[in-house]
């Protein structure tokens, strides 16, 4: 992982803007969903990177429903330590997020 400054948010607009700026799309890991109404494990799909064939694109509504239902926060960084745009992100519990702030 690059050592750029990390940020944490639960703001849907901020998350969507960060993901779309980097060409990402909301996704779930195939085979982890619970029925047709419940998304599985959340991921960000950056086309051309790992995840090809294992991720399924979902709508932003599905993504944020699962995000909120799972009580998640989004940990990310804008740039790497050398100033390049970063794609580093991960989902953490909101409890963990409150401890990091």
N, C-alpha and C. Protein backbone atom coordinates (compact mmCIF):
# COMPACT_ATOMS: atom_id res chain seq x y z
N UNK A 1 0.84 -1.18 0.00
CA UNK A 1 0.00 0.00 0.00
C UNK A 1 0.88 1.24 0.00
N UNK A 2 0.49 2.21 -0.74
CA UNK A 2 1.20 3.48 -0.77
C UNK A 2 0.98 4.22 0.55
N UNK A 3 1.86 5.12 0.88
CA UNK A 3 1.79 5.76 2.18
C UNK A 3 1.20 7.16 2.15
N UNK A 4 0.30 7.46 1.21
CA UNK A 4 -0.38 8.75 1.17
C UNK A 4 -1.35 8.86 2.34
N UNK A 5 -1.82 10.08 2.61
CA UNK A 5 -2.75 10.30 3.71
C UNK A 5 -4.06 9.57 3.49
N UNK A 6 -4.51 8.87 4.51
CA UNK A 6 -5.77 8.14 4.41
C UNK A 6 -6.90 8.95 5.01
N UNK A 7 -8.09 8.79 4.42
CA UNK A 7 -9.30 9.46 4.88
C UNK A 7 -10.36 8.41 5.09
N UNK A 8 -11.35 8.74 5.90
CA UNK A 8 -12.47 7.84 6.16
C UNK A 8 -13.76 8.63 6.01
N UNK A 9 -14.74 8.03 5.33
CA UNK A 9 -16.03 8.69 5.17
C UNK A 9 -17.16 7.67 5.11
N UNK A 10 -18.36 8.15 5.40
CA UNK A 10 -19.58 7.37 5.17
C UNK A 10 -20.50 8.13 4.21
N UNK A 11 -20.04 9.27 3.71
CA UNK A 11 -20.82 10.13 2.83
C UNK A 11 -20.95 9.50 1.44
N UNK A 12 -22.17 9.18 1.06
CA UNK A 12 -22.41 8.50 -0.22
C UNK A 12 -21.89 9.30 -1.41
N UNK A 13 -22.13 10.60 -1.42
CA UNK A 13 -21.68 11.41 -2.56
C UNK A 13 -20.16 11.45 -2.67
N UNK A 14 -19.48 11.56 -1.54
CA UNK A 14 -18.02 11.58 -1.53
C UNK A 14 -17.45 10.24 -2.04
N UNK A 15 -18.04 9.15 -1.60
CA UNK A 15 -17.59 7.82 -2.02
C UNK A 15 -17.81 7.64 -3.52
N UNK A 16 -19.01 7.95 -3.99
CA UNK A 16 -19.33 7.79 -5.41
C UNK A 16 -18.41 8.64 -6.28
N UNK A 17 -18.18 9.88 -5.88
CA UNK A 17 -17.31 10.78 -6.63
C UNK A 17 -15.89 10.21 -6.71
N UNK A 18 -15.35 9.72 -5.60
CA UNK A 18 -13.99 9.16 -5.56
C UNK A 18 -13.89 7.95 -6.49
N UNK A 19 -14.86 7.05 -6.41
CA UNK A 19 -14.84 5.83 -7.23
C UNK A 19 -14.96 6.16 -8.71
N UNK A 20 -15.93 6.99 -9.07
CA UNK A 20 -16.15 7.32 -10.48
C UNK A 20 -14.99 8.10 -11.09
N UNK A 21 -14.36 8.96 -10.31
CA UNK A 21 -13.21 9.73 -10.80
C UNK A 21 -12.08 8.79 -11.26
N UNK A 22 -11.99 7.62 -10.65
CA UNK A 22 -10.94 6.66 -10.96
C UNK A 22 -11.42 5.57 -11.93
N UNK A 23 -12.62 5.74 -12.48
CA UNK A 23 -13.16 4.79 -13.45
C UNK A 23 -13.75 3.55 -12.83
N UNK A 24 -13.97 3.57 -11.52
CA UNK A 24 -14.52 2.40 -10.83
C UNK A 24 -16.03 2.34 -10.87
N UNK A 25 -16.54 1.16 -10.54
CA UNK A 25 -17.98 0.93 -10.50
C UNK A 25 -18.31 0.13 -9.25
N UNK A 26 -19.52 0.31 -8.71
CA UNK A 26 -19.92 -0.47 -7.55
C UNK A 26 -20.11 -1.93 -7.95
N UNK A 27 -19.63 -2.83 -7.10
CA UNK A 27 -19.69 -4.25 -7.45
C UNK A 27 -19.85 -5.10 -6.19
N UNK A 28 -20.21 -6.34 -6.44
CA UNK A 28 -20.28 -7.35 -5.39
C UNK A 28 -19.51 -8.57 -5.86
N UNK A 29 -19.01 -9.35 -4.92
CA UNK A 29 -18.29 -10.57 -5.27
C UNK A 29 -19.32 -11.62 -5.66
N UNK A 30 -19.17 -12.18 -6.87
CA UNK A 30 -20.11 -13.20 -7.34
C UNK A 30 -20.18 -14.36 -6.36
N UNK A 31 -21.41 -14.83 -6.13
CA UNK A 31 -21.62 -15.99 -5.27
C UNK A 31 -21.75 -15.66 -3.79
N UNK A 32 -21.62 -14.38 -3.42
CA UNK A 32 -21.74 -14.02 -2.00
C UNK A 32 -23.08 -13.36 -1.68
N UNK A 33 -23.90 -13.16 -2.70
CA UNK A 33 -25.20 -12.51 -2.48
C UNK A 33 -26.15 -13.47 -1.76
N UNK A 34 -27.14 -12.88 -1.08
CA UNK A 34 -28.14 -13.67 -0.37
C UNK A 34 -29.48 -13.41 -1.02
N UNK A 35 -29.79 -14.18 -2.04
CA UNK A 35 -31.02 -13.96 -2.79
C UNK A 35 -30.84 -12.81 -3.75
N UNK A 36 -31.86 -12.53 -4.51
CA UNK A 36 -31.78 -11.48 -5.53
C UNK A 36 -31.85 -10.08 -4.94
N UNK A 37 -32.34 -9.96 -3.69
CA UNK A 37 -32.52 -8.63 -3.12
C UNK A 37 -31.36 -8.15 -2.27
N UNK A 38 -30.38 -9.01 -2.00
CA UNK A 38 -29.30 -8.63 -1.10
C UNK A 38 -27.94 -8.80 -1.76
N UNK A 39 -27.24 -7.69 -1.92
CA UNK A 39 -25.90 -7.72 -2.50
C UNK A 39 -24.96 -8.50 -1.58
N UNK A 40 -23.95 -9.09 -2.18
CA UNK A 40 -22.95 -9.82 -1.41
C UNK A 40 -21.85 -8.90 -0.92
N UNK A 41 -20.65 -9.42 -0.80
CA UNK A 41 -19.51 -8.63 -0.35
C UNK A 41 -19.25 -7.48 -1.31
N UNK A 42 -19.15 -6.30 -0.77
CA UNK A 42 -18.94 -5.12 -1.60
C UNK A 42 -17.50 -4.98 -2.05
N UNK A 43 -17.34 -4.52 -3.26
CA UNK A 43 -16.03 -4.22 -3.84
C UNK A 43 -16.19 -3.03 -4.78
N UNK A 44 -15.06 -2.46 -5.16
CA UNK A 44 -15.02 -1.45 -6.21
C UNK A 44 -14.35 -2.13 -7.39
N UNK A 45 -15.01 -2.13 -8.52
CA UNK A 45 -14.46 -2.76 -9.72
C UNK A 45 -13.78 -1.69 -10.58
N UNK A 46 -12.46 -1.81 -10.67
CA UNK A 46 -11.70 -0.95 -11.57
C UNK A 46 -11.37 -1.79 -12.79
N UNK A 47 -12.06 -1.58 -13.91
CA UNK A 47 -11.83 -2.39 -15.11
C UNK A 47 -10.34 -2.44 -15.47
N UNK A 48 -9.91 -3.66 -15.81
CA UNK A 48 -8.51 -3.86 -16.18
C UNK A 48 -7.64 -4.27 -15.00
N UNK A 49 -8.21 -4.30 -13.79
CA UNK A 49 -7.46 -4.71 -12.62
C UNK A 49 -8.00 -6.04 -12.11
N UNK A 50 -7.44 -6.55 -11.03
CA UNK A 50 -7.91 -7.84 -10.50
C UNK A 50 -9.40 -7.76 -10.21
N UNK A 51 -10.05 -8.87 -10.26
CA UNK A 51 -11.49 -8.90 -10.04
C UNK A 51 -12.26 -9.28 -11.27
N UNK A 52 -11.59 -9.28 -12.41
CA UNK A 52 -12.27 -9.64 -13.65
C UNK A 52 -12.79 -11.07 -13.54
N UNK A 53 -14.07 -11.24 -13.81
CA UNK A 53 -14.68 -12.56 -13.74
C UNK A 53 -15.18 -12.93 -12.36
N UNK A 54 -14.77 -12.20 -11.32
CA UNK A 54 -15.21 -12.53 -9.96
C UNK A 54 -16.16 -11.48 -9.40
N UNK A 55 -16.28 -10.35 -10.08
CA UNK A 55 -17.13 -9.27 -9.59
C UNK A 55 -18.32 -9.07 -10.51
N UNK A 56 -19.42 -8.64 -9.90
CA UNK A 56 -20.63 -8.34 -10.66
C UNK A 56 -21.05 -6.91 -10.35
N UNK A 57 -21.24 -6.11 -11.39
CA UNK A 57 -21.64 -4.72 -11.19
C UNK A 57 -23.04 -4.66 -10.59
N UNK A 58 -23.22 -3.75 -9.64
CA UNK A 58 -24.53 -3.51 -9.02
C UNK A 58 -24.83 -2.02 -9.12
N UNK A 59 -26.06 -1.65 -8.84
CA UNK A 59 -26.43 -0.23 -8.89
C UNK A 59 -25.88 0.49 -7.66
N UNK A 60 -25.81 1.80 -7.77
CA UNK A 60 -25.39 2.59 -6.62
C UNK A 60 -26.37 2.41 -5.46
N UNK A 61 -27.67 2.31 -5.75
CA UNK A 61 -28.65 2.10 -4.68
C UNK A 61 -28.38 0.80 -3.94
N UNK A 62 -28.15 -0.29 -4.69
CA UNK A 62 -27.84 -1.58 -4.06
C UNK A 62 -26.56 -1.48 -3.23
N UNK A 63 -25.56 -0.83 -3.80
CA UNK A 63 -24.27 -0.66 -3.15
C UNK A 63 -24.43 0.06 -1.80
N UNK A 64 -25.12 1.20 -1.82
CA UNK A 64 -25.24 1.98 -0.59
C UNK A 64 -26.22 1.36 0.40
N UNK A 65 -27.22 0.61 -0.07
CA UNK A 65 -28.09 -0.13 0.86
C UNK A 65 -27.26 -1.14 1.64
N UNK A 66 -26.42 -1.90 0.95
CA UNK A 66 -25.56 -2.89 1.59
C UNK A 66 -24.53 -2.20 2.50
N UNK A 67 -23.96 -1.10 2.01
CA UNK A 67 -22.97 -0.33 2.76
C UNK A 67 -23.55 0.12 4.11
N UNK A 68 -24.76 0.68 4.08
CA UNK A 68 -25.39 1.16 5.31
C UNK A 68 -25.87 0.01 6.18
N UNK A 69 -26.49 -1.00 5.57
CA UNK A 69 -26.98 -2.15 6.34
C UNK A 69 -25.84 -2.88 7.06
N UNK A 70 -24.66 -2.86 6.46
CA UNK A 70 -23.50 -3.54 7.04
C UNK A 70 -22.70 -2.63 7.98
N UNK A 71 -23.18 -1.40 8.15
CA UNK A 71 -22.55 -0.44 9.05
C UNK A 71 -21.07 -0.22 8.69
N UNK A 72 -20.83 0.03 7.39
CA UNK A 72 -19.48 0.19 6.89
C UNK A 72 -19.08 1.65 6.76
N UNK A 73 -17.78 1.86 6.71
CA UNK A 73 -17.17 3.15 6.38
C UNK A 73 -16.19 2.88 5.25
N UNK A 74 -15.84 3.92 4.51
CA UNK A 74 -14.95 3.82 3.35
C UNK A 74 -13.62 4.49 3.70
N UNK A 75 -12.55 3.70 3.74
CA UNK A 75 -11.21 4.20 3.99
C UNK A 75 -10.52 4.31 2.64
N UNK A 76 -9.93 5.46 2.36
CA UNK A 76 -9.34 5.67 1.03
C UNK A 76 -8.22 6.69 1.09
N UNK A 77 -7.49 6.81 0.01
CA UNK A 77 -6.51 7.87 -0.09
C UNK A 77 -6.61 8.52 -1.46
N UNK A 78 -6.42 9.82 -1.49
CA UNK A 78 -6.50 10.59 -2.74
C UNK A 78 -5.28 10.36 -3.61
N UNK A 79 -4.11 10.45 -3.00
CA UNK A 79 -2.86 10.31 -3.75
C UNK A 79 -1.89 9.39 -3.02
N UNK A 80 -0.96 8.85 -3.79
CA UNK A 80 0.10 8.05 -3.21
C UNK A 80 1.14 8.99 -2.62
N UNK A 81 2.11 8.44 -1.93
CA UNK A 81 3.15 9.27 -1.31
C UNK A 81 3.95 10.06 -2.33
N UNK A 82 3.98 9.59 -3.59
CA UNK A 82 4.71 10.33 -4.63
C UNK A 82 3.80 11.24 -5.46
N UNK A 83 2.56 11.46 -4.97
CA UNK A 83 1.67 12.43 -5.60
C UNK A 83 0.79 11.92 -6.72
N UNK A 84 0.87 10.63 -7.04
CA UNK A 84 0.02 10.07 -8.10
C UNK A 84 -1.36 9.74 -7.54
N UNK A 85 -2.36 9.77 -8.42
CA UNK A 85 -3.72 9.43 -8.01
C UNK A 85 -3.75 7.99 -7.49
N UNK A 86 -4.33 7.79 -6.32
CA UNK A 86 -4.38 6.48 -5.69
C UNK A 86 -5.71 5.79 -5.95
N UNK A 87 -5.67 4.48 -6.05
CA UNK A 87 -6.89 3.66 -6.12
C UNK A 87 -7.08 2.87 -4.83
N UNK A 88 -6.24 3.13 -3.83
CA UNK A 88 -6.35 2.38 -2.59
C UNK A 88 -7.62 2.75 -1.84
N UNK A 89 -8.38 1.72 -1.49
CA UNK A 89 -9.56 1.89 -0.66
C UNK A 89 -9.89 0.55 -0.03
N UNK A 90 -10.63 0.62 1.06
CA UNK A 90 -11.17 -0.60 1.65
C UNK A 90 -12.35 -0.25 2.52
N UNK A 91 -13.18 -1.24 2.76
CA UNK A 91 -14.34 -1.06 3.61
C UNK A 91 -13.97 -1.52 5.01
N UNK A 92 -14.32 -0.69 6.00
CA UNK A 92 -14.07 -1.03 7.39
C UNK A 92 -15.36 -0.80 8.17
N UNK A 93 -15.44 -1.36 9.35
CA UNK A 93 -16.63 -1.14 10.17
C UNK A 93 -16.64 0.31 10.66
N UNK A 94 -17.82 0.83 10.89
CA UNK A 94 -17.92 2.20 11.40
C UNK A 94 -17.34 2.29 12.81
N UNK A 95 -17.40 1.19 13.53
CA UNK A 95 -16.80 1.15 14.87
C UNK A 95 -15.28 1.33 14.77
N UNK A 96 -14.65 0.63 13.85
CA UNK A 96 -13.22 0.78 13.61
C UNK A 96 -12.91 2.19 13.13
N UNK A 97 -13.76 2.73 12.27
CA UNK A 97 -13.55 4.08 11.74
C UNK A 97 -13.56 5.10 12.87
N UNK A 98 -14.47 4.97 13.81
CA UNK A 98 -14.55 5.95 14.90
C UNK A 98 -13.30 5.88 15.78
N UNK A 99 -12.68 4.72 15.90
CA UNK A 99 -11.45 4.57 16.67
C UNK A 99 -10.26 5.20 15.94
N UNK A 100 -10.28 5.16 14.60
CA UNK A 100 -9.18 5.72 13.81
C UNK A 100 -9.22 7.25 13.76
N UNK A 101 -10.41 7.82 13.91
CA UNK A 101 -10.54 9.28 13.84
C UNK A 101 -10.06 9.84 15.11
